[in-house]
Amino acid sequence: MAAHSGRRPIPTSGGPHVTLPDVSYDRDARVDAYLQGLPSWQKSVCQQVRDLVHAADPEVVETIKRTRQPYFVLDGNICALLATRDHVNVFLYDGGIVEDPDGIITGGHDNATGRTVAIYENQPINSRALAAMFAQIIANNRAGGWRALKRRNSSSET
């Protein structure tokens, strides 16, 4: 794996650019290859999401699952990327328990395992909201995962 490091401005919706801290992380060559095959705007979106998830915690690991999809994991899945014809889907593995006060979730509202954020060409990423979700998903993973948290919450309500 190759290390990646650097400060880069990330465009956000409704606000100024966010500059990520100088984050160094090990890159999986298979994820690099996935990104290289994308149109430039999708490559840029995926790279921004990649940088955001790694900035959320230095222990995040990237890999390929389901033959070719980039996944980001730490004590469980955090998110996955899938470039489609006209947008990039960021799959959030949160069990629907991570709050979405900025309304960036675009699909899977009733899904039991995860939700999606669809990002279209020329659409800025709400990096503050997405980074907050990544941080919460990681915290949930470290606390046993969203399934365990849901079980604990439902048993404490009875």
Protein backbone atom coordinates (compact mmCIF):
# COMPACT_ATOMS: atom_id res chain seq x y z
CA MET A 1 0.00 0.00 0.00
CA ALA A 2 1.20 3.50 -0.78
CA ALA A 3 0.91 6.32 1.73
CA HIS A 4 -0.99 9.47 0.81
CA SER A 5 -0.62 12.76 2.60
CA GLY A 6 -1.67 16.30 1.93
CA ARG A 7 -3.91 19.24 2.68
CA ARG A 8 -6.67 19.82 0.21
CA PRO A 9 -9.70 22.08 0.16
CA ILE A 10 -12.98 20.20 0.05
CA PRO A 11 -15.98 22.10 -1.34
CA THR A 12 -19.02 22.04 0.90
CA SER A 13 -22.64 22.86 0.29
CA GLY A 14 -23.81 26.14 1.73
CA GLY A 15 -20.43 27.22 3.04
CA PRO A 16 -16.74 27.75 2.51
CA HIS A 17 -14.23 25.07 1.63
CA VAL A 18 -13.08 22.83 4.43
CA THR A 19 -9.37 22.11 4.55
CA LEU A 20 -8.69 18.65 5.83
CA PRO A 21 -5.87 18.21 8.30
CA ASP A 22 -2.65 16.78 6.95
CA VAL A 23 -3.78 13.18 6.92
CA SER A 24 -1.49 10.36 5.94
CA TYR A 25 -2.98 6.97 5.18
CA ASP A 26 -2.16 3.73 3.44
CA ARG A 27 -3.81 3.51 0.06
CA ASP A 28 -4.95 0.22 -1.38
CA ALA A 29 -3.74 -0.03 -4.99
CA ARG A 30 -7.05 -1.67 -5.91
CA VAL A 31 -8.95 1.41 -4.70
CA ASP A 32 -6.55 3.58 -6.71
CA ALA A 33 -7.29 1.44 -9.78
CA TYR A 34 -11.07 1.79 -9.22
CA LEU A 35 -10.75 5.58 -9.04
CA GLN A 36 -8.48 5.74 -12.11
CA GLY A 37 -11.21 4.17 -14.24
CA LEU A 38 -13.78 6.86 -13.42
CA PRO A 39 -14.65 10.09 -15.21
CA SER A 40 -12.73 13.00 -13.65
CA TRP A 41 -15.67 14.42 -11.69
CA GLN A 42 -16.48 11.03 -10.13
CA LYS A 43 -12.82 10.42 -9.38
CA SER A 44 -12.71 13.78 -7.59
CA VAL A 45 -15.85 13.03 -5.55
CA CYS A 46 -14.56 9.59 -4.55
CA GLN A 47 -11.15 10.99 -3.61
CA GLN A 48 -12.80 13.66 -1.45
CA VAL A 49 -14.91 11.05 0.33
CA ARG A 50 -11.82 8.85 0.72
CA ASP A 51 -9.91 11.72 2.33
CA LEU A 52 -12.86 12.55 4.62
CA VAL A 53 -13.25 9.01 5.94
CA HIS A 54 -9.52 8.68 6.58
CA ALA A 55 -9.51 12.09 8.32
CA ALA A 56 -12.26 10.83 10.64
CA ASP A 57 -9.85 8.33 12.20
CA PRO A 58 -6.24 7.45 11.36
CA GLU A 59 -6.94 3.74 11.83
CA VAL A 60 -9.45 3.49 8.96
CA VAL A 61 -8.45 0.84 6.43
CA GLU A 62 -9.51 0.79 2.81
CA THR A 63 -10.08 -2.38 0.86
CA ILE A 64 -12.07 -3.87 -2.01
CA LYS A 65 -15.12 -6.01 -1.36
CA ARG A 66 -17.73 -7.48 -3.68
CA THR A 67 -15.04 -7.89 -6.35
CA ARG A 68 -14.46 -4.19 -7.09
CA GLN A 69 -16.16 -1.80 -4.65
CA PRO A 70 -14.02 0.38 -2.38
CA TYR A 71 -14.89 -0.11 1.31
CA PHE A 72 -13.60 1.75 4.33
CA VAL A 73 -13.55 -0.23 7.56
CA LEU A 74 -12.64 0.08 11.23
CA ASP A 75 -14.12 -2.46 13.63
CA GLY A 76 -16.78 -2.97 10.93
CA ASN A 77 -17.85 -1.30 7.71
CA ILE A 78 -18.01 2.50 7.69
CA CYS A 79 -18.87 3.21 4.08
CA ALA A 80 -18.50 2.02 0.50
CA LEU A 81 -18.32 3.83 -2.83
CA LEU A 82 -20.13 3.03 -6.05
CA ALA A 83 -19.92 5.22 -9.14
CA THR A 84 -23.04 4.95 -11.30
CA ARG A 85 -23.85 6.48 -14.67
CA ASP A 86 -24.77 9.91 -13.30
CA HIS A 87 -23.76 10.01 -9.61
CA VAL A 88 -21.60 8.52 -6.88
CA ASN A 89 -23.30 6.58 -4.10
CA VAL A 90 -21.70 6.70 -0.67
CA PHE A 91 -23.16 3.76 1.24
CA LEU A 92 -23.19 4.43 4.99
CA TYR A 93 -23.21 1.35 7.20
CA ASP A 94 -25.02 2.88 10.14
CA GLY A 95 -28.18 0.85 10.63
CA GLY A 96 -30.18 4.05 10.36
CA ILE A 97 -29.11 5.25 13.81
CA VAL A 98 -26.69 8.04 12.88
CA GLU A 99 -28.44 11.40 12.91
CA ASP A 100 -28.77 13.40 9.69
CA PRO A 101 -29.53 16.98 10.80
CA ASP A 102 -28.36 18.40 7.46
CA GLY A 103 -30.57 16.08 5.40
CA ILE A 104 -27.80 14.67 3.21
CA ILE A 105 -29.18 11.10 3.19
CA THR A 106 -30.81 10.49 -0.19
CA GLY A 107 -31.82 6.84 0.04
CA GLY A 108 -32.39 3.89 2.32
CA HIS A 109 -34.25 5.84 4.99
CA ASP A 110 -36.07 2.67 6.06
CA ASN A 111 -33.15 0.33 5.42
CA ALA A 112 -32.14 -1.81 8.39
CA THR A 113 -28.42 -1.88 7.56
CA GLY A 114 -27.44 1.32 5.83
CA ARG A 115 -28.35 4.41 3.90
CA THR A 116 -26.92 6.27 0.92
CA VAL A 117 -25.75 9.73 0.03
CA ALA A 118 -25.95 10.31 -3.74
CA ILE A 119 -23.59 12.96 -5.08
CA TYR A 120 -24.11 14.29 -8.60
CA GLU A 121 -21.76 16.12 -10.93
CA ASN A 122 -21.18 19.77 -9.91
CA GLN A 123 -22.87 19.12 -6.55
CA PRO A 124 -20.69 20.10 -3.62
CA ILE A 125 -20.21 17.61 -0.82
CA ASN A 126 -21.46 18.64 2.60
CA SER A 127 -18.17 17.50 4.07
CA ARG A 128 -18.92 18.67 7.60
CA ALA A 129 -22.07 16.58 7.78
CA LEU A 130 -20.49 13.56 6.07
CA ALA A 131 -17.39 13.72 8.30
CA ALA A 132 -19.63 13.87 11.39
CA MET A 133 -21.49 10.78 10.18
CA PHE A 134 -18.22 8.92 9.57
CA ALA A 135 -17.02 9.82 13.07
CA GLN A 136 -20.30 8.59 14.61
CA ILE A 137 -20.28 5.35 12.59
CA ILE A 138 -16.69 4.70 13.74
CA ALA A 139 -17.66 5.39 17.37
CA ASN A 140 -20.63 3.04 16.99
CA ASN A 141 -18.38 0.35 15.47
CA ARG A 142 -15.97 0.67 18.37
CA ALA A 143 -18.91 0.34 20.80
CA GLY A 144 -19.83 -3.02 19.30
CA GLY A 145 -21.54 -1.98 16.06
CA TRP A 146 -24.92 -0.52 15.25
CA ARG A 147 -26.67 -3.89 15.66
CA ALA A 148 -25.44 -4.20 19.25
CA LEU A 149 -26.32 -0.57 19.94
CA LYS A 150 -29.85 -1.07 18.59
CA ARG A 151 -30.28 -4.18 20.78
CA ARG A 152 -29.04 -2.29 23.84
CA ASN A 153 -31.31 0.68 23.11
CA SER A 154 -34.39 -1.48 22.53
CA SER A 155 -33.79 -3.55 25.69
CA SER A 156 -33.31 -0.40 27.78
CA GLU A 157 -36.64 0.98 26.51
CA THR A 158 -38.59 -2.04 27.76
